[in-house]
């Protein structure tokens, strides 16, 4: 029996990648609908146990204090970018994790967040004070960060407000050294 070369255009299905992913997700949910994604309980070790920092790929490191509260350090030749600071009480551990990897928090030039919830930006004010980093956020998140969560529609508590120095738009690129990150909202 001969093998079929699936790379031949005539034999490839003409389904866009996004549709294939959507169909897979639908199949998975229908076939395995009993599985429910839930946050770990408050006493789960993912929430309570400190975790050592580690390298993900060249120039990208996990520096979060807990597994379910990640912070990521993107290193460059001109300084570093920190994605998410989690809670204010974890900032000292994040700084320690950065130093454990041989980097310095003073070299953080840009502070960004995945979104403006307290578990992602609650430590921005403290990290800004420690590092002197420029804080960058989307227009939608800037008000929440600067109000310390007071304007968050979810009303899940407040944190120390942090100044947002620059608004970034969807599709805009953020450059530092040899690193380029693109914002997607």
Protein backbone atom coordinates (compact mmCIF):
# COMPACT_ATOMS: atom_id res chain seq x y z
CA UNK A 1 0.00 0.00 0.00
CA UNK A 2 1.45 3.37 -0.95
CA UNK A 3 1.49 6.37 1.39
CA UNK A 4 -0.54 9.44 0.56
CA UNK A 5 1.36 12.73 0.52
CA UNK A 6 -0.92 15.04 2.50
CA UNK A 7 1.16 18.02 1.49
CA UNK A 8 -0.24 17.83 -2.02
CA UNK A 9 -2.70 20.69 -2.43
CA UNK A 10 -5.35 18.54 -4.11
CA UNK A 11 -5.56 16.20 -1.12
CA UNK A 12 -5.57 18.86 1.60
CA UNK A 13 -8.90 19.87 3.06
CA UNK A 14 -9.69 23.50 2.33
CA UNK A 15 -10.66 24.40 5.88
CA UNK A 16 -9.25 27.59 7.40
CA UNK A 17 -7.18 27.05 10.54
CA UNK A 18 -9.60 28.97 12.76
CA UNK A 19 -12.49 26.77 11.60
CA UNK A 20 -10.52 23.58 12.21
CA UNK A 21 -9.76 24.76 15.75
CA UNK A 22 -13.41 25.68 16.37
CA UNK A 23 -14.58 22.28 15.10
CA UNK A 24 -12.04 20.51 17.30
CA UNK A 25 -13.21 22.48 20.35
CA UNK A 26 -16.83 21.67 19.55
CA UNK A 27 -15.97 17.97 19.13
CA UNK A 28 -14.05 17.99 22.40
CA UNK A 29 -16.89 19.65 24.32
CA UNK A 30 -19.55 17.36 22.90
CA UNK A 31 -17.48 14.20 23.36
CA UNK A 32 -16.11 15.08 26.75
CA UNK A 33 -18.75 17.48 28.06
CA UNK A 34 -18.42 16.16 31.61
CA UNK A 35 -15.09 17.99 32.01
CA UNK A 36 -15.53 21.43 33.50
CA UNK A 37 -12.81 24.03 33.81
CA UNK A 38 -12.77 25.49 37.31
CA UNK A 39 -10.30 27.51 39.31
CA UNK A 40 -8.39 25.54 41.92
CA UNK A 41 -9.70 25.92 45.49
CA UNK A 42 -8.13 28.58 47.71
CA UNK A 43 -6.07 25.99 49.62
CA UNK A 44 -4.72 24.31 46.47
CA UNK A 45 -0.88 24.22 46.32
CA UNK A 46 -1.06 26.01 42.96
CA UNK A 47 -2.38 29.01 44.91
CA UNK A 48 -0.44 28.63 48.15
CA UNK A 49 3.01 27.20 47.43
CA UNK A 50 5.81 29.47 46.18
CA UNK A 51 7.35 28.35 42.92
CA UNK A 52 10.91 28.75 41.67
CA UNK A 53 11.38 30.81 38.50
CA UNK A 54 12.17 28.98 35.29
CA UNK A 55 13.07 29.53 31.66
CA UNK A 56 10.25 28.96 29.17
CA UNK A 57 12.21 29.68 25.97
CA UNK A 58 15.22 31.87 25.20
CA UNK A 59 14.58 35.29 26.68
CA UNK A 60 11.23 34.43 28.30
CA UNK A 61 11.00 33.41 31.95
CA UNK A 62 8.28 32.52 34.44
CA UNK A 63 8.91 34.72 37.50
CA UNK A 64 5.50 34.52 39.20
CA UNK A 65 5.17 33.84 42.89
CA UNK A 66 2.55 31.07 42.41
CA UNK A 67 1.73 28.77 39.49
CA UNK A 68 -1.79 30.10 39.04
CA UNK A 69 -0.63 33.73 39.38
CA UNK A 70 2.01 34.01 36.69
CA UNK A 71 4.34 36.85 35.82
CA UNK A 72 6.60 36.66 32.79
CA UNK A 73 9.92 38.38 32.20
CA UNK A 74 10.95 39.10 28.61
CA UNK A 75 14.66 39.91 28.56
CA UNK A 76 16.31 42.10 25.94
CA UNK A 77 19.67 43.74 25.36
CA UNK A 78 18.17 47.13 26.37
CA UNK A 79 16.29 46.11 29.50
CA UNK A 80 13.32 43.92 30.27
CA UNK A 81 9.55 43.74 29.93
CA UNK A 82 7.43 42.37 32.79
CA UNK A 83 3.98 40.97 31.99
CA UNK A 84 1.66 40.99 35.03
CA UNK A 85 2.57 41.72 38.64
CA UNK A 86 -0.26 39.72 40.25
CA UNK A 87 -1.01 40.90 43.80
CA UNK A 88 0.91 43.59 45.67
CA UNK A 89 1.89 41.10 48.38
CA UNK A 90 3.68 38.98 45.76
CA UNK A 91 5.87 41.74 44.29
CA UNK A 92 8.80 41.03 46.65
CA UNK A 93 8.71 37.34 45.64
CA UNK A 94 8.58 38.28 41.95
CA UNK A 95 11.61 40.55 42.42
CA UNK A 96 13.38 37.71 44.24
CA UNK A 97 12.57 35.32 41.38
CA UNK A 98 13.94 37.82 38.86
CA UNK A 99 17.15 38.13 40.88
CA UNK A 100 17.39 34.35 41.32
CA UNK A 101 17.60 34.10 37.52
CA UNK A 102 20.49 36.60 37.52
CA UNK A 103 18.52 39.65 36.37
CA UNK A 104 17.80 42.91 38.17
CA UNK A 105 14.38 44.50 38.72
CA UNK A 106 16.00 47.89 38.02
CA UNK A 107 16.40 46.72 34.42
CA UNK A 108 12.62 46.37 33.89
CA UNK A 109 11.82 49.14 31.43
CA UNK A 110 8.25 48.25 30.45
CA UNK A 111 5.43 47.00 32.63
CA UNK A 112 2.46 45.47 30.79
CA UNK A 113 -0.56 43.38 31.72
CA UNK A 114 -2.74 40.77 30.12
CA UNK A 115 -5.80 42.56 31.51
CA UNK A 116 -6.72 44.86 34.38
CA UNK A 117 -7.93 42.49 37.07
CA UNK A 118 -6.53 42.68 40.59
CA UNK A 119 -4.72 39.34 40.23
CA UNK A 120 -2.79 40.69 37.22
CA UNK A 121 -2.14 44.36 38.03
CA UNK A 122 -2.50 44.61 41.82
CA UNK A 123 1.27 44.94 42.19
CA UNK A 124 1.86 47.47 39.40
CA UNK A 125 2.29 50.47 41.71
CA UNK A 126 4.91 48.70 43.86
CA UNK A 127 6.75 47.29 40.84
CA UNK A 128 6.81 50.75 39.22
CA UNK A 129 8.32 52.16 42.40
CA UNK A 130 10.98 49.42 42.55
CA UNK A 131 11.88 49.37 38.86
CA UNK A 132 10.98 52.82 37.53
CA UNK A 133 9.35 51.04 34.58
CA UNK A 134 6.99 52.70 32.12
CA UNK A 135 3.48 51.27 32.44
CA UNK A 136 1.66 50.50 29.20
CA UNK A 137 -2.00 49.48 28.93
CA UNK A 138 -4.94 49.43 26.56
CA UNK A 139 -7.37 52.34 26.72
CA UNK A 140 -9.97 50.05 28.27
CA UNK A 141 -7.60 48.94 31.05
CA UNK A 142 -5.88 52.25 31.77
CA UNK A 143 -8.75 53.71 33.80
CA UNK A 144 -9.07 50.56 35.92
CA UNK A 145 -5.30 50.46 36.61
CA UNK A 146 -5.18 54.17 37.45
CA UNK A 147 -8.24 53.91 39.73
CA UNK A 148 -6.80 50.92 41.57
CA UNK A 149 -9.79 48.84 40.55
CA UNK A 150 -12.43 51.32 41.73
CA UNK A 151 -13.82 51.55 38.17
CA UNK A 152 -13.73 47.77 37.54
CA UNK A 153 -17.28 46.70 36.69
CA UNK A 154 -16.72 43.40 38.51
CA UNK A 155 -16.30 45.19 41.85
CA UNK A 156 -13.82 42.68 43.27
CA UNK A 157 -11.88 44.98 45.56
CA UNK A 158 -9.27 47.63 45.07
CA UNK A 159 -5.50 47.89 45.02
CA UNK A 160 -2.90 50.67 44.97
CA UNK A 161 -3.50 52.78 41.85
CA UNK A 162 -0.68 52.93 39.29
CA UNK A 163 -0.02 55.57 36.66
CA UNK A 164 -0.35 54.43 33.05
CA UNK A 165 2.29 56.22 30.96
CA UNK A 166 1.25 55.04 27.53
CA UNK A 167 -1.87 53.68 25.84
CA UNK A 168 -1.34 50.89 23.33
CA UNK A 169 -3.83 50.06 20.57
CA UNK A 170 -4.85 46.70 19.18
CA UNK A 171 -2.25 45.53 16.68
CA UNK A 172 0.34 48.04 17.85
CA UNK A 173 3.86 46.73 18.35
CA UNK A 174 5.86 47.25 21.50
CA UNK A 175 9.63 47.24 20.91
CA UNK A 176 12.50 47.00 23.36
CA UNK A 177 15.95 45.88 22.27
CA UNK A 178 15.59 42.86 20.01
CA UNK A 179 12.11 42.00 21.33
CA UNK A 180 8.85 42.90 19.58
CA UNK A 181 5.48 42.19 21.21
CA UNK A 182 2.19 42.85 19.43
CA UNK A 183 -0.94 43.85 21.35
CA UNK A 184 -4.11 41.87 20.62
CA UNK A 185 -7.38 42.77 22.35
